[in-house]
Amino acid sequence: MPRLNQTHHQLVPVPIPDRVAQLIGTTIPLPVLQAEMDATFEVADICRYRPLASDEDRADREAALARLARLNKTLAKHHPKLVRGTA
């Protein structure tokens, strides 16, 4: 009997209709939704700073990383896959 080769297929992103996204959003607590939005902005902010540019940029980047870590704790409590990375 031939052995089946089990490969993992890459997931293809599927667009979610606005109404479905709204229904999903109503099931998520407001603090988690706010943390998700804030984390998205923090990641953009972190990418904006150049770590070797100046002491101010370094300090601002470190502060943004700290805020992102706090937000990620909130997101991870709700669901681990919500955690945002900086890359």
PDB file of N, CA and C in Angstrom:
ATOM      1  N   MET A   1       0.847  -1.168   0.000  1.00  0.00           N
ATOM      2  CA  MET A   1       0.000   0.000   0.000  1.00  0.00           C
ATOM      3  C   MET A   1       0.903   1.245   0.000  1.00  0.00           C
ATOM      4  N   PRO A   2       0.673   2.194  -0.916  1.00  0.00           N
ATOM      5  CA  PRO A   2       1.530   3.377  -0.963  1.00  0.00           C
ATOM      6  C   PRO A   2       1.285   4.278   0.245  1.00  0.00           C
ATOM      7  N   ARG A   3       2.370   4.873   0.658  1.00  0.00           N
ATOM      8  CA  ARG A   3       2.286   5.775   1.798  1.00  0.00           C
ATOM      9  C   ARG A   3       1.931   7.180   1.305  1.00  0.00           C
ATOM     10  N   LEU A   4       1.010   7.823   1.970  1.00  0.00           N
ATOM     11  CA  LEU A   4       0.597   9.171   1.567  1.00  0.00           C
ATOM     12  C   LEU A   4       1.596  10.196   2.088  1.00  0.00           C
ATOM     13  N   ASN A   5       1.959  11.090   1.237  1.00  0.00           N
ATOM     14  CA  ASN A   5       2.860  12.169   1.633  1.00  0.00           C
ATOM     15  C   ASN A   5       2.005  13.320   2.156  1.00  0.00           C
ATOM     16  N   GLN A   6       2.131  13.576   3.429  1.00  0.00           N
ATOM     17  CA  GLN A   6       1.325  14.643   4.018  1.00  0.00           C
ATOM     18  C   GLN A   6       2.124  15.937   4.013  1.00  0.00           C
ATOM     19  N   THR A   7       1.682  16.861   3.201  1.00  0.00           N
ATOM     20  CA  THR A   7       2.338  18.165   3.148  1.00  0.00           C
ATOM     21  C   THR A   7       1.373  19.218   3.666  1.00  0.00           C
ATOM     22  N   HIS A   8       1.938  20.250   4.206  1.00  0.00           N
ATOM     23  CA  HIS A   8       1.122  21.353   4.712  1.00  0.00           C
ATOM     24  C   HIS A   8       1.018  22.413   3.630  1.00  0.00           C
ATOM     25  N   HIS A   9      -0.177  22.710   3.252  1.00  0.00           N
ATOM     26  CA  HIS A   9      -0.400  23.735   2.242  1.00  0.00           C
ATOM     27  C   HIS A   9      -0.401  25.099   2.905  1.00  0.00           C
ATOM     28  N   GLN A  10       0.105  26.086   2.194  1.00  0.00           N
ATOM     29  CA  GLN A  10       0.080  27.446   2.743  1.00  0.00           C
ATOM     30  C   GLN A  10      -1.359  27.939   2.746  1.00  0.00           C
ATOM     31  N   LEU A  11      -1.670  28.675   3.776  1.00  0.00           N
ATOM     32  CA  LEU A  11      -3.014  29.230   3.874  1.00  0.00           C
ATOM     33  C   LEU A  11      -3.165  30.406   2.919  1.00  0.00           C
ATOM     34  N   VAL A  12      -4.268  30.436   2.240  1.00  0.00           N
ATOM     35  CA  VAL A  12      -4.548  31.529   1.312  1.00  0.00           C
ATOM     36  C   VAL A  12      -5.493  32.494   2.014  1.00  0.00           C
ATOM     37  N   PRO A  13      -5.115  33.790   2.100  1.00  0.00           N
ATOM     38  CA  PRO A  13      -6.019  34.734   2.758  1.00  0.00           C
ATOM     39  C   PRO A  13      -7.327  34.883   1.981  1.00  0.00           C
ATOM     40  N   VAL A  14      -8.412  34.835   2.708  1.00  0.00           N
ATOM     41  CA  VAL A  14      -9.734  34.962   2.110  1.00  0.00           C
ATOM     42  C   VAL A  14     -10.358  36.243   2.635  1.00  0.00           C
ATOM     43  N   PRO A  15     -10.861  37.089   1.738  1.00  0.00           N
ATOM     44  CA  PRO A  15     -11.483  38.331   2.218  1.00  0.00           C
ATOM     45  C   PRO A  15     -12.745  38.035   3.033  1.00  0.00           C
ATOM     46  N   ILE A  16     -12.916  38.807   4.093  1.00  0.00           N
ATOM     47  CA  ILE A  16     -14.082  38.648   4.959  1.00  0.00           C
ATOM     48  C   ILE A  16     -15.035  39.806   4.671  1.00  0.00           C
ATOM     49  N   PRO A  17     -16.288  39.511   4.384  1.00  0.00           N
ATOM     50  CA  PRO A  17     -17.254  40.596   4.167  1.00  0.00           C
ATOM     51  C   PRO A  17     -17.369  41.481   5.405  1.00  0.00           C
ATOM     52  N   ASP A  18     -17.663  42.751   5.186  1.00  0.00           N
ATOM     53  CA  ASP A  18     -17.747  43.712   6.289  1.00  0.00           C
ATOM     54  C   ASP A  18     -18.735  43.285   7.365  1.00  0.00           C
ATOM     55  N   ARG A  19     -19.866  42.766   6.966  1.00  0.00           N
ATOM     56  CA  ARG A  19     -20.886  42.362   7.938  1.00  0.00           C
ATOM     57  C   ARG A  19     -20.377  41.218   8.825  1.00  0.00           C
ATOM     58  N   VAL A  20     -19.653  40.281   8.232  1.00  0.00           N
ATOM     59  CA  VAL A  20     -19.094  39.166   9.001  1.00  0.00           C
ATOM     60  C   VAL A  20     -18.028  39.688   9.964  1.00  0.00           C
ATOM     61  N   ALA A  21     -17.199  40.619   9.489  1.00  0.00           N
ATOM     62  CA  ALA A  21     -16.178  41.211  10.351  1.00  0.00           C
ATOM     63  C   ALA A  21     -16.828  41.943  11.531  1.00  0.00           C
ATOM     64  N   GLN A  22     -17.946  42.607  11.286  1.00  0.00           N
ATOM     65  CA  GLN A  22     -18.656  43.292  12.368  1.00  0.00           C
ATOM     66  C   GLN A  22     -19.189  42.283  13.385  1.00  0.00           C
ATOM     67  N   LEU A  23     -19.717  41.178  12.903  1.00  0.00           N
ATOM     68  CA  LEU A  23     -20.228  40.148  13.823  1.00  0.00           C
ATOM     69  C   LEU A  23     -19.104  39.548  14.650  1.00  0.00           C
ATOM     70  N   ILE A  24     -17.961  39.323  14.032  1.00  0.00           N
ATOM     71  CA  ILE A  24     -16.807  38.814  14.768  1.00  0.00           C
ATOM     72  C   ILE A  24     -16.373  39.842  15.808  1.00  0.00           C
ATOM     73  N   GLY A  25     -16.353  41.097  15.402  1.00  0.00           N
ATOM     74  CA  GLY A  25     -15.945  42.172  16.307  1.00  0.00           C
ATOM     75  C   GLY A  25     -16.839  42.304  17.523  1.00  0.00           C
ATOM     76  N   THR A  26     -18.108  41.974  17.381  1.00  0.00           N
ATOM     77  CA  THR A  26     -19.018  42.086  18.526  1.00  0.00           C
ATOM     78  C   THR A  26     -18.759  41.010  19.564  1.00  0.00           C
ATOM     79  N   THR A  27     -18.075  39.939  19.196  1.00  0.00           N
ATOM     80  CA  THR A  27     -17.790  38.879  20.154  1.00  0.00           C
ATOM     81  C   THR A  27     -16.480  39.105  20.904  1.00  0.00           C
ATOM     82  N   ILE A  28     -15.684  40.070  20.450  1.00  0.00           N
ATOM     83  CA  ILE A  28     -14.395  40.351  21.080  1.00  0.00           C
ATOM     84  C   ILE A  28     -14.578  41.511  22.059  1.00  0.00           C
ATOM     85  N   PRO A  29     -14.077  41.393  23.283  1.00  0.00           N
ATOM     86  CA  PRO A  29     -14.218  42.478  24.267  1.00  0.00           C
ATOM     87  C   PRO A  29     -13.561  43.773  23.770  1.00  0.00           C
ATOM     88  N   LEU A  30     -14.148  44.888  24.148  1.00  0.00           N
ATOM     89  CA  LEU A  30     -13.674  46.197  23.699  1.00  0.00           C
ATOM     90  C   LEU A  30     -12.206  46.460  24.046  1.00  0.00           C
ATOM     91  N   PRO A  31     -11.725  46.116  25.249  1.00  0.00           N
ATOM     92  CA  PRO A  31     -10.302  46.349  25.542  1.00  0.00           C
ATOM     93  C   PRO A  31      -9.365  45.571  24.606  1.00  0.00           C
ATOM     94  N   VAL A  32      -9.796  44.388  24.181  1.00  0.00           N
ATOM     95  CA  VAL A  32      -8.970  43.597  23.264  1.00  0.00           C
ATOM     96  C   VAL A  32      -8.962  44.239  21.880  1.00  0.00           C
ATOM     97  N   LEU A  33     -10.112  44.704  21.418  1.00  0.00           N
ATOM     98  CA  LEU A  33     -10.166  45.401  20.128  1.00  0.00           C
ATOM     99  C   LEU A  33      -9.292  46.654  20.144  1.00  0.00           C
ATOM    100  N   GLN A  34      -9.362  47.407  21.247  1.00  0.00           N
ATOM    101  CA  GLN A  34      -8.543  48.616  21.369  1.00  0.00           C
ATOM    102  C   GLN A  34      -7.061  48.259  21.386  1.00  0.00           C
ATOM    103  N   ALA A  35      -6.705  47.200  22.116  1.00  0.00           N
ATOM    104  CA  ALA A  35      -5.306  46.771  22.164  1.00  0.00           C
ATOM    105  C   ALA A  35      -4.821  46.331  20.791  1.00  0.00           C
ATOM    106  N   GLU A  36      -5.683  45.683  20.021  1.00  0.00           N
ATOM    107  CA  GLU A  36      -5.305  45.248  18.676  1.00  0.00           C
ATOM    108  C   GLU A  36      -5.028  46.442  17.765  1.00  0.00           C
ATOM    109  N   MET A  37      -5.889  47.445  17.843  1.00  0.00           N
ATOM    110  CA  MET A  37      -5.674  48.650  17.037  1.00  0.00           C
ATOM    111  C   MET A  37      -4.413  49.382  17.478  1.00  0.00           C
ATOM    112  N   ASP A  38      -4.234  49.545  18.785  1.00  0.00           N
ATOM    113  CA  ASP A  38      -3.061  50.240  19.306  1.00  0.00           C
ATOM    114  C   ASP A  38      -1.775  49.504  18.959  1.00  0.00           C
ATOM    115  N   ALA A  39      -1.807  48.177  19.001  1.00  0.00           N
ATOM    116  CA  ALA A  39      -0.616  47.389  18.667  1.00  0.00           C
ATOM    117  C   ALA A  39      -0.243  47.573  17.202  1.00  0.00           C
ATOM    118  N   THR A  40      -1.230  47.653  16.334  1.00  0.00           N
ATOM    119  CA  THR A  40      -0.949  47.887  14.913  1.00  0.00           C
ATOM    120  C   THR A  40      -0.249  49.227  14.726  1.00  0.00           C
ATOM    121  N   PHE A  41      -0.709  50.244  15.432  1.00  0.00           N
ATOM    122  CA  PHE A  41      -0.082  51.566  15.336  1.00  0.00           C
ATOM    123  C   PHE A  41       1.321  51.561  15.951  1.00  0.00           C
ATOM    124  N   GLU A  42       1.498  50.831  17.040  1.00  0.00           N
ATOM    125  CA  GLU A  42       2.820  50.764  17.671  1.00  0.00           C
ATOM    126  C   GLU A  42       3.835  50.089  16.754  1.00  0.00           C
ATOM    127  N   VAL A  43       3.422  49.026  16.066  1.00  0.00           N
ATOM    128  CA  VAL A  43       4.333  48.346  15.137  1.00  0.00           C
ATOM    129  C   VAL A  43       4.765  49.309  14.035  1.00  0.00           C
ATOM    130  N   ALA A  44       3.824  50.075  13.507  1.00  0.00           N
ATOM    131  CA  ALA A  44       4.171  51.065  12.481  1.00  0.00           C
ATOM    132  C   ALA A  44       5.116  52.115  13.053  1.00  0.00           C
ATOM    133  N   ASP A  45       4.884  52.512  14.291  1.00  0.00           N
ATOM    134  CA  ASP A  45       5.731  53.502  14.949  1.00  0.00           C
ATOM    135  C   ASP A  45       7.146  52.956  15.157  1.00  0.00           C
ATOM    136  N   ILE A  46       7.239  51.704  15.588  1.00  0.00           N
ATOM    137  CA  ILE A  46       8.545  51.080  15.819  1.00  0.00           C
ATOM    138  C   ILE A  46       9.340  51.007  14.520  1.00  0.00           C
ATOM    139  N   CYS A  47       8.668  50.650  13.438  1.00  0.00           N
ATOM    140  CA  CYS A  47       9.358  50.541  12.142  1.00  0.00           C
ATOM    141  C   CYS A  47       9.818  51.906  11.630  1.00  0.00           C
ATOM    142  N   ARG A  48       9.195  52.956  12.104  1.00  0.00           N
ATOM    143  CA  ARG A  48       9.548  54.307  11.655  1.00  0.00           C
ATOM    144  C   ARG A  48      10.873  54.772  12.255  1.00  0.00           C
ATOM    145  N   TYR A  49      11.168  54.328  13.470  1.00  0.00           N
ATOM    146  CA  TYR A  49      12.399  54.758  14.137  1.00  0.00           C
ATOM    147  C   TYR A  49      13.601  53.983  13.621  1.00  0.00           C
ATOM    148  N   ARG A  50      14.718  54.665  13.483  1.00  0.00           N
ATOM    149  CA  ARG A  50      15.977  54.022  13.113  1.00  0.00           C
ATOM    150  C   ARG A  50      16.782  53.861  14.390  1.00  0.00           C
ATOM    151  N   PRO A  51      17.055  52.624  14.803  1.00  0.00           N
ATOM    152  CA  PRO A  51      17.684  52.410  16.110  1.00  0.00           C
ATOM    153  C   PRO A  51      19.074  53.019  16.246  1.00  0.00           C
ATOM    154  N   LEU A  52      19.793  53.225  15.163  1.00  0.00           N
ATOM    155  CA  LEU A  52      21.148  53.763  15.262  1.00  0.00           C
ATOM    156  C   LEU A  52      21.216  55.248  14.913  1.00  0.00           C
ATOM    157  N   ALA A  53      20.086  55.894  14.681  1.00  0.00           N
ATOM    158  CA  ALA A  53      20.077  57.278  14.223  1.00  0.00           C
ATOM    159  C   ALA A  53      20.510  58.254  15.320  1.00  0.00           C
ATOM    160  N   SER A  54      19.858  58.192  16.455  1.00  0.00           N
ATOM    161  CA  SER A  54      20.178  59.131  17.533  1.00  0.00           C
ATOM    162  C   SER A  54      19.693  58.547  18.857  1.00  0.00           C
ATOM    163  N   ASP A  55      20.124  59.202  19.934  1.00  0.00           N
ATOM    164  CA  ASP A  55      19.691  58.747  21.260  1.00  0.00           C
ATOM    165  C   ASP A  55      18.182  58.912  21.428  1.00  0.00           C
ATOM    166  N   GLU A  56      17.615  59.989  20.862  1.00  0.00           N
ATOM    167  CA  GLU A  56      16.170  60.214  20.975  1.00  0.00           C
ATOM    168  C   GLU A  56      15.397  59.125  20.243  1.00  0.00           C
ATOM    169  N   ASP A  57      15.853  58.789  19.021  1.00  0.00           N
ATOM    170  CA  ASP A  57      15.178  57.726  18.270  1.00  0.00           C
ATOM    171  C   ASP A  57      15.266  56.399  19.007  1.00  0.00           C
ATOM    172  N   ARG A  58      16.422  56.129  19.582  1.00  0.00           N
ATOM    173  CA  ARG A  58      16.602  54.887  20.330  1.00  0.00           C
ATOM    174  C   ARG A  58      15.655  54.849  21.527  1.00  0.00           C
ATOM    175  N   ALA A  59      15.568  55.948  22.247  1.00  0.00           N
ATOM    176  CA  ALA A  59      14.688  56.012  23.420  1.00  0.00           C
ATOM    177  C   ALA A  59      13.216  55.902  23.009  1.00  0.00           C
ATOM    178  N   ASP A  60      12.836  56.587  21.927  1.00  0.00           N
ATOM    179  CA  ASP A  60      11.451  56.511  21.452  1.00  0.00           C
ATOM    180  C   ASP A  60      11.104  55.099  20.987  1.00  0.00           C
ATOM    181  N   ARG A  61      12.053  54.454  20.314  1.00  0.00           N
ATOM    182  CA  ARG A  61      11.824  53.082  19.844  1.00  0.00           C
ATOM    183  C   ARG A  61      11.678  52.136  21.029  1.00  0.00           C
ATOM    184  N   GLU A  62      12.516  52.291  22.040  1.00  0.00           N
ATOM    185  CA  GLU A  62      12.418  51.443  23.233  1.00  0.00           C
ATOM    186  C   GLU A  62      11.084  51.658  23.952  1.00  0.00           C
ATOM    187  N   ALA A  63      10.630  52.905  24.012  1.00  0.00           N
ATOM    188  CA  ALA A  63       9.340  53.193  24.650  1.00  0.00           C
ATOM    189  C   ALA A  63       8.197  52.547  23.859  1.00  0.00           C
ATOM    190  N   ALA A  64       8.274  52.620  22.535  1.00  0.00           N
ATOM    191  CA  ALA A  64       7.249  52.002  21.694  1.00  0.00           C
ATOM    192  C   ALA A  64       7.270  50.478  21.839  1.00  0.00           C
ATOM    193  N   LEU A  65       8.473  49.896  21.947  1.00  0.00           N
ATOM    194  CA  LEU A  65       8.575  48.450  22.156  1.00  0.00           C
ATOM    195  C   LEU A  65       7.954  48.046  23.501  1.00  0.00           C
ATOM    196  N   ALA A  66       8.143  48.867  24.516  1.00  0.00           N
ATOM    197  CA  ALA A  66       7.550  48.579  25.831  1.00  0.00           C
ATOM    198  C   ALA A  66       6.023  48.652  25.764  1.00  0.00           C
ATOM    199  N   ARG A  67       5.502  49.668  25.063  1.00  0.00           N
ATOM    200  CA  ARG A  67       4.045  49.783  24.912  1.00  0.00           C
ATOM    201  C   ARG A  67       3.498  48.573  24.145  1.00  0.00           C
ATOM    202  N   LEU A  68       4.218  48.149  23.094  1.00  0.00           N
ATOM    203  CA  LEU A  68       3.789  46.992  22.312  1.00  0.00           C
ATOM    204  C   LEU A  68       3.789  45.726  23.174  1.00  0.00           C
ATOM    205  N   ALA A  69       4.773  45.569  24.031  1.00  0.00           N
ATOM    206  CA  ALA A  69       4.832  44.401  24.913  1.00  0.00           C
ATOM    207  C   ALA A  69       3.622  44.379  25.852  1.00  0.00           C
ATOM    208  N   ARG A  70       3.252  45.551  26.392  1.00  0.00           N
ATOM    209  CA  ARG A  70       2.071  45.621  27.263  1.00  0.00           C
ATOM    210  C   ARG A  70       0.799  45.259  26.490  1.00  0.00           C
ATOM    211  N   LEU A  71       0.679  45.793  25.278  1.00  0.00           N
ATOM    212  CA  LEU A  71      -0.502  45.495  24.466  1.00  0.00           C
ATOM    213  C   LEU A  71      -0.546  44.013  24.096  1.00  0.00           C
ATOM    214  N   ASN A  72       0.615  43.434  23.810  1.00  0.00           N
ATOM    215  CA  ASN A  72       0.667  42.018  23.452  1.00  0.00           C
ATOM    216  C   ASN A  72       0.236  41.124  24.604  1.00  0.00           C
ATOM    217  N   LYS A  73       0.473  41.554  25.837  1.00  0.00           N
ATOM    218  CA  LYS A  73       0.005  40.778  26.990  1.00  0.00           C
ATOM    219  C   LYS A  73      -1.517  40.717  26.995  1.00  0.00           C
ATOM    220  N   THR A  74      -2.150  41.851  26.718  1.00  0.00           N
ATOM    221  CA  THR A  74      -3.615  41.892  26.655  1.00  0.00           C
ATOM    222  C   THR A  74      -4.126  41.003  25.537  1.00  0.00           C
ATOM    223  N   LEU A  75      -3.470  41.094  24.373  1.00  0.00           N
ATOM    224  CA  LEU A  75      -3.901  40.300  23.221  1.00  0.00           C
ATOM    225  C   LEU A  75      -3.684  38.807  23.476  1.00  0.00           C
ATOM    226  N   ALA A  76      -2.570  38.444  24.075  1.00  0.00           N
ATOM    227  CA  ALA A  76      -2.263  37.033  24.317  1.00  0.00           C
ATOM    228  C   ALA A  76      -3.231  36.408  25.315  1.00  0.00           C
ATOM    229  N   LYS A  77      -3.724  37.204  26.274  1.00  0.00           N
ATOM    230  CA  LYS A  77      -4.694  36.679  27.230  1.00  0.00           C
ATOM    231  C   LYS A  77      -5.979  36.254  26.514  1.00  0.00           C
ATOM    232  N   HIS A  78      -6.344  37.021  25.479  1.00  0.00           N
ATOM    233  CA  HIS A  78      -7.568  36.701  24.740  1.00  0.00           C
ATOM    234  C   HIS A  78      -7.331  35.552  23.756  1.00  0.00           C
ATOM    235  N   HIS A  79      -6.258  35.666  22.953  1.00  0.00           N
ATOM    236  CA  HIS A  79      -5.919  34.606  22.008  1.00  0.00           C
ATOM    237  C   HIS A  79      -4.464  34.776  21.594  1.00  0.00           C
ATOM    238  N   PRO A  80      -3.644  33.753  21.734  1.00  0.00           N
ATOM    239  CA  PRO A  80      -2.207  33.876  21.437  1.00  0.00           C
ATOM    240  C   PRO A  80      -1.882  34.284  20.004  1.00  0.00           C
ATOM    241  N   LYS A  81      -2.754  33.992  19.071  1.00  0.00           N
ATOM    242  CA  LYS A  81      -2.473  34.353  17.670  1.00  0.00           C
ATOM    243  C   LYS A  81      -2.704  35.836  17.372  1.00  0.00           C
ATOM    244  N   LEU A  82      -3.215  36.583  18.327  1.00  0.00           N
ATOM    245  CA  LEU A  82      -3.414  38.016  18.122  1.00  0.00           C
ATOM    246  C   LEU A  82      -2.147  38.836  18.379  1.00  0.00           C
ATOM    247  N   VAL A  83      -1.151  38.223  18.968  1.00  0.00           N
ATOM    248  CA  VAL A  83       0.087  38.937  19.320  1.00  0.00           C
ATOM    249  C   VAL A  83       0.747  39.506  18.070  1.00  0.00           C
ATOM    250  N   ARG A  84       1.187  40.766  18.161  1.00  0.00           N
ATOM    251  CA  ARG A  84       1.821  41.468  17.037  1.00  0.00           C
ATOM    252  C   ARG A  84       3.324  41.419  17.170  1.00  0.00           C
ATOM    253  N   GLY A  85       4.010  41.249  16.055  1.00  0.00           N
ATOM    254  CA  GLY A  85       5.465  41.292  16.017  1.00  0.00           C
ATOM    255  C   GLY A  85       5.933  42.558  15.327  1.00  0.00           C
ATOM    256  N   THR A  86       7.210  42.812  15.397  1.00  0.00           N
ATOM    257  CA  THR A  86       7.748  44.040  14.796  1.00  0.00           C
ATOM    258  C   THR A  86       8.294  43.813  13.404  1.00  0.00           C
ATOM    259  N   ALA A  87       8.359  42.590  12.958  1.00  0.00           N
ATOM    260  CA  ALA A  87       8.937  42.333  11.622  1.00  0.00           C
ATOM    261  C   ALA A  87       7.889  42.318  10.547  1.00  0.00           C
TER     262      ALA A  87
END
